[in-house]
N, C-alpha and C. Protein backbone atom coordinates (compact mmCIF):
# COMPACT_ATOMS: atom_id res chain seq x y z
N MET A 1 -64.69 86.41 19.22
CA MET A 1 -65.77 87.49 18.90
C MET A 1 -67.03 86.44 18.89
N VAL A 2 -67.94 87.55 19.71
CA VAL A 2 -69.48 86.81 19.47
C VAL A 2 -70.31 87.74 18.57
N THR A 3 -70.86 86.95 17.87
CA THR A 3 -71.87 87.65 17.02
C THR A 3 -73.27 87.21 17.54
N ALA A 4 -74.16 88.57 16.98
CA ALA A 4 -75.55 88.27 17.34
C ALA A 4 -76.17 88.79 16.05
N SER A 5 -77.72 88.43 16.07
CA SER A 5 -78.58 89.46 15.01
C SER A 5 -79.79 89.72 15.96
N ALA A 6 -80.50 90.87 15.54
CA ALA A 6 -81.47 91.17 15.92
C ALA A 6 -82.15 92.08 15.13
N SER A 7 -83.67 92.10 15.17
CA SER A 7 -84.32 92.80 14.07
C SER A 7 -85.89 93.60 14.91
N ASP A 8 -85.91 94.49 14.48
CA ASP A 8 -87.47 95.39 14.87
C ASP A 8 -87.95 96.12 13.59
N GLU A 9 -88.88 96.60 13.63
CA GLU A 9 -89.46 97.80 12.98
C GLU A 9 -90.33 98.80 13.51
N TRP A 10 -90.20 100.01 12.90
CA TRP A 10 -90.55 101.21 13.28
C TRP A 10 -91.44 101.86 12.41
N THR A 11 -92.66 102.15 12.63
CA THR A 11 -93.40 102.94 11.44
C THR A 11 -94.51 103.70 12.23
N GLU A 12 -94.52 105.06 11.72
CA GLU A 12 -95.16 105.95 12.37
C GLU A 12 -96.23 106.56 11.30
N PHE A 13 -97.54 107.34 11.47
CA PHE A 13 -98.10 108.06 11.30
C PHE A 13 -97.56 109.53 11.31
N THR A 14 -97.35 110.30 10.41
CA THR A 14 -96.83 111.71 10.16
C THR A 14 -97.84 112.71 9.56
N PRO A 15 -98.72 113.24 10.17
CA PRO A 15 -99.86 113.99 9.38
C PRO A 15 -99.22 115.23 9.52
N LYS A 16 -99.62 116.25 8.73
CA LYS A 16 -99.26 117.59 8.62
C LYS A 16 -100.62 118.55 8.35
N ALA A 17 -101.13 119.62 8.84
CA ALA A 17 -102.09 120.28 8.68
C ALA A 17 -101.67 121.78 8.92
N GLY A 18 -102.80 122.44 8.24
CA GLY A 18 -102.44 123.67 8.62
C GLY A 18 -103.34 124.94 8.18
N ILE A 19 -103.89 125.72 8.58
CA ILE A 19 -104.89 126.75 8.26
C ILE A 19 -104.05 128.28 7.93
N LYS A 20 -104.76 129.22 7.10
CA LYS A 20 -104.31 130.12 6.70
C LYS A 20 -105.36 130.87 6.85
N TYR A 21 -105.23 132.39 7.43
CA TYR A 21 -106.62 133.39 7.65
C TYR A 21 -106.12 134.50 6.95
N THR A 22 -106.42 135.00 5.79
CA THR A 22 -106.16 136.17 5.17
C THR A 22 -106.90 137.28 5.92
N LEU A 23 -106.22 138.32 6.34
CA LEU A 23 -106.56 139.55 7.41
C LEU A 23 -107.03 140.56 6.23
N ALA A 24 -106.13 140.48 5.08
CA ALA A 24 -106.60 141.92 4.22
C ALA A 24 -105.78 141.41 2.98
N ASP A 25 -105.52 142.29 2.05
CA ASP A 25 -105.00 141.86 0.89
C ASP A 25 -103.17 141.77 1.18
N ASP A 26 -102.75 142.62 2.35
CA ASP A 26 -101.37 142.53 2.48
C ASP A 26 -101.04 142.13 3.95
N ALA A 27 -102.09 141.33 4.52
CA ALA A 27 -102.02 140.70 5.91
C ALA A 27 -102.62 139.27 6.03
N MET A 28 -102.01 138.56 6.76
CA MET A 28 -102.49 137.31 6.64
C MET A 28 -101.91 136.30 7.93
N MET A 29 -102.57 135.47 8.68
CA MET A 29 -101.85 134.52 9.93
C MET A 29 -102.28 133.36 9.51
N TYR A 30 -101.41 132.64 9.90
CA TYR A 30 -101.26 130.92 9.82
C TYR A 30 -100.84 130.26 10.73
N PHE A 31 -101.26 128.80 11.01
CA PHE A 31 -100.89 127.84 12.22
C PHE A 31 -100.84 126.37 11.35
N THR A 32 -99.73 125.88 11.55
CA THR A 32 -99.45 124.69 11.41
C THR A 32 -98.98 123.82 12.47
N TYR A 33 -99.31 122.48 12.19
CA TYR A 33 -99.14 121.16 12.98
C TYR A 33 -98.61 120.40 12.19
N SER A 34 -97.43 119.32 12.82
CA SER A 34 -97.19 118.20 11.65
C SER A 34 -96.30 117.49 13.04
N ALA A 35 -96.55 116.19 12.50
CA ALA A 35 -95.53 115.01 13.51
C ALA A 35 -94.55 114.58 12.53
N GLY A 36 -93.43 114.58 13.44
CA GLY A 36 -92.49 113.55 12.72
C GLY A 36 -91.75 112.49 13.52
N TYR A 37 -90.90 111.54 13.03
CA TYR A 37 -90.46 110.23 14.07
C TYR A 37 -89.21 110.13 13.25
N ARG A 38 -88.16 109.62 14.28
CA ARG A 38 -86.61 109.00 13.74
C ARG A 38 -86.98 107.50 14.29
N ALA A 39 -86.47 106.55 13.37
CA ALA A 39 -86.84 104.99 13.86
C ALA A 39 -85.84 104.69 14.99
N GLY A 40 -86.52 103.76 15.72
CA GLY A 40 -85.49 103.27 16.84
C GLY A 40 -84.48 102.34 16.31
N GLY A 41 -83.86 101.54 17.13
CA GLY A 41 -82.46 100.86 16.46
C GLY A 41 -81.81 100.04 17.38
N PHE A 42 -80.66 99.95 17.41
CA PHE A 42 -79.55 99.19 18.17
C PHE A 42 -78.51 99.66 18.32
N ASN A 43 -78.15 99.48 19.51
CA ASN A 43 -76.67 100.42 19.95
C ASN A 43 -75.31 99.34 19.64
N ASP A 44 -74.72 99.82 18.34
CA ASP A 44 -73.59 98.73 18.17
C ASP A 44 -72.43 98.97 18.89
N ARG A 45 -72.26 100.06 19.69
CA ARG A 45 -71.03 100.31 20.60
C ARG A 45 -71.36 99.92 22.04
N VAL A 46 -71.74 98.73 22.03
CA VAL A 46 -71.72 98.26 23.54
C VAL A 46 -70.91 97.07 23.47
N ASP A 47 -70.62 96.55 24.99
CA ASP A 47 -69.98 95.40 25.13
C ASP A 47 -70.56 94.28 25.53
N SER A 48 -71.95 93.95 25.37
CA SER A 48 -72.51 92.94 25.96
C SER A 48 -73.46 92.31 24.58
N VAL A 49 -73.89 91.28 24.42
CA VAL A 49 -74.65 90.52 23.48
C VAL A 49 -76.06 91.47 23.66
N GLU A 50 -76.42 91.08 25.15
CA GLU A 50 -77.74 91.52 25.44
C GLU A 50 -77.89 92.82 25.12
N THR A 51 -77.36 93.88 25.49
CA THR A 51 -77.56 95.26 25.33
C THR A 51 -77.53 95.41 23.46
N ALA A 52 -76.68 94.89 23.12
CA ALA A 52 -76.57 95.03 21.30
C ALA A 52 -77.95 94.48 20.77
N THR A 53 -78.66 93.72 21.16
CA THR A 53 -80.12 93.33 20.66
C THR A 53 -80.85 93.62 21.62
N THR A 54 -80.87 94.66 22.30
CA THR A 54 -82.27 95.20 22.98
C THR A 54 -82.48 96.50 22.17
N PRO A 55 -83.80 96.77 21.25
CA PRO A 55 -83.67 97.83 20.74
C PRO A 55 -83.95 99.07 21.58
N TYR A 56 -83.75 100.51 21.03
CA TYR A 56 -84.22 101.85 21.84
C TYR A 56 -85.22 101.94 20.99
N ASP A 57 -86.15 103.04 21.87
CA ASP A 57 -87.06 103.53 21.23
C ASP A 57 -86.89 104.41 20.08
N GLN A 58 -88.44 104.44 19.14
CA GLN A 58 -88.28 105.36 18.27
C GLN A 58 -88.51 106.98 18.73
N GLU A 59 -87.92 107.93 18.04
CA GLU A 59 -88.51 109.24 18.46
C GLU A 59 -89.31 109.99 17.87
N THR A 60 -90.29 110.40 18.49
CA THR A 60 -91.35 111.15 18.15
C THR A 60 -91.51 112.87 18.33
N VAL A 61 -92.07 113.69 17.61
CA VAL A 61 -92.26 115.07 17.74
C VAL A 61 -93.34 115.42 17.19
N ASP A 62 -93.83 116.58 17.94
CA ASP A 62 -95.02 117.30 17.52
C ASP A 62 -94.75 118.74 17.44
N ASN A 63 -94.76 119.29 16.09
CA ASN A 63 -94.11 120.63 15.74
C ASN A 63 -95.77 121.59 15.59
N PHE A 64 -95.26 122.71 16.43
CA PHE A 64 -96.44 123.85 16.18
C PHE A 64 -95.76 124.97 15.48
N GLU A 65 -96.59 125.70 14.87
CA GLU A 65 -95.95 126.88 14.08
C GLU A 65 -97.06 127.67 14.30
N ALA A 66 -97.08 129.14 14.37
CA ALA A 66 -98.10 130.14 14.49
C ALA A 66 -97.14 131.45 13.93
N GLY A 67 -97.82 132.01 12.85
CA GLY A 67 -97.10 133.35 12.46
C GLY A 67 -97.85 134.37 11.74
N PHE A 68 -97.54 135.25 11.73
CA PHE A 68 -98.17 136.15 10.67
C PHE A 68 -97.25 136.79 9.36
N LYS A 69 -97.87 137.44 8.12
CA LYS A 69 -97.04 137.82 7.33
C LYS A 69 -97.67 139.12 6.91
N THR A 70 -97.31 140.23 6.81
CA THR A 70 -97.77 141.46 6.26
C THR A 70 -96.64 142.16 5.37
N ASP A 71 -97.30 142.97 4.51
CA ASP A 71 -96.81 144.32 3.53
C ASP A 71 -97.21 145.55 3.92
N TRP A 72 -96.02 146.63 3.93
CA TRP A 72 -96.53 147.78 4.25
C TRP A 72 -95.83 148.64 2.85
N MET A 73 -96.52 150.10 3.29
CA MET A 73 -96.30 150.99 2.09
C MET A 73 -95.67 150.32 0.75
N ASP A 74 -97.12 149.77 0.23
CA ASP A 74 -97.59 149.55 -1.20
C ASP A 74 -96.15 148.18 -1.13
N GLY A 75 -95.90 147.41 -0.36
CA GLY A 75 -95.02 146.35 -0.70
C GLY A 75 -93.92 146.66 -0.29
N THR A 76 -93.31 147.95 -0.28
CA THR A 76 -91.67 148.23 0.18
C THR A 76 -91.21 147.46 1.28
N VAL A 77 -92.07 147.48 2.16
CA VAL A 77 -91.63 146.93 3.70
C VAL A 77 -92.29 145.64 3.94
N ARG A 78 -92.04 144.41 4.37
CA ARG A 78 -92.21 143.56 4.74
C ARG A 78 -92.07 143.04 6.00
N VAL A 79 -92.92 142.58 6.77
CA VAL A 79 -92.84 142.19 8.36
C VAL A 79 -93.49 141.08 8.80
N ASN A 80 -92.58 140.06 9.06
CA ASN A 80 -93.08 138.56 9.19
C ASN A 80 -92.65 138.19 10.73
N GLY A 81 -93.46 137.40 11.16
CA GLY A 81 -92.92 136.92 12.51
C GLY A 81 -93.67 135.04 12.48
N ALA A 82 -92.81 134.72 13.41
CA ALA A 82 -93.46 133.05 13.68
C ALA A 82 -93.02 132.71 15.26
N LEU A 83 -94.11 131.78 15.76
CA LEU A 83 -93.41 130.99 16.83
C LEU A 83 -93.43 129.67 16.57
N PHE A 84 -92.26 128.86 17.13
CA PHE A 84 -92.45 127.58 17.08
C PHE A 84 -92.11 126.82 18.15
N PHE A 85 -93.01 125.72 18.53
CA PHE A 85 -92.96 125.15 19.57
C PHE A 85 -92.52 123.32 18.95
N MET A 86 -91.67 122.52 19.31
CA MET A 86 -91.29 121.26 19.18
C MET A 86 -91.30 120.17 20.62
N GLY A 87 -92.05 119.51 20.61
CA GLY A 87 -92.18 118.65 21.73
C GLY A 87 -91.92 117.50 21.59
N TYR A 88 -90.84 116.85 21.86
CA TYR A 88 -90.13 115.57 21.73
C TYR A 88 -90.52 114.55 22.94
N GLN A 89 -90.74 113.37 22.32
CA GLN A 89 -90.97 112.33 22.89
C GLN A 89 -90.17 111.03 22.86
N ASP A 90 -89.11 110.24 23.71
CA ASP A 90 -87.98 109.39 23.63
C ASP A 90 -87.21 110.18 22.88
N LYS A 91 -86.48 111.19 22.96
CA LYS A 91 -85.33 111.98 22.26
C LYS A 91 -84.24 111.28 22.19
N GLN A 92 -83.75 110.86 21.09
CA GLN A 92 -82.63 110.19 20.67
C GLN A 92 -81.18 111.13 20.72
N GLU A 93 -80.49 111.07 21.72
CA GLU A 93 -79.12 111.71 22.17
C GLU A 93 -78.09 110.76 22.02
N GLU A 94 -76.89 111.31 21.31
CA GLU A 94 -75.87 110.25 21.56
C GLU A 94 -74.90 110.90 22.75
N MET A 95 -74.61 110.04 23.47
CA MET A 95 -73.77 110.33 24.80
C MET A 95 -72.59 109.75 24.80
N GLN A 96 -71.22 110.41 25.04
CA GLN A 96 -69.77 109.54 25.56
C GLN A 96 -70.09 109.50 26.95
N LEU A 97 -69.88 107.97 27.26
CA LEU A 97 -69.69 107.88 28.63
C LEU A 97 -68.35 107.20 29.07
N ASN A 98 -67.43 107.74 30.07
CA ASN A 98 -66.32 107.08 29.94
C ASN A 98 -66.29 106.12 31.12
C-alpha cells in the first residue's frame, strides 16, 4: 500500500446584490446577482499517487435573477414571474469511467 499526503486551500469572494423597483402598490420588479463557489479537492478514487495528489479546481458560478410580483383584484390574485441564469466555470461533475 502506498500512502501520500497533499494539501491546498480554496477561498473565494461571494458577493450578493440586488435592486427592487416598485411600480405601484401592487406591482414590483427586481434583479439579483450573486456569486458562489464549491472548493476544489483531491480525487481519492484513483490508482496513482501523482493523480491523487494533484488538486482539481474549485467550481465558481455567477447567478442572475430578474422577476416581477403583482397583485390583482384587491389582492385576490397574485401573478409572479422570474428568469434565472447560472454561468458555471470549472463545473465539478462526478463521472464513472470503465
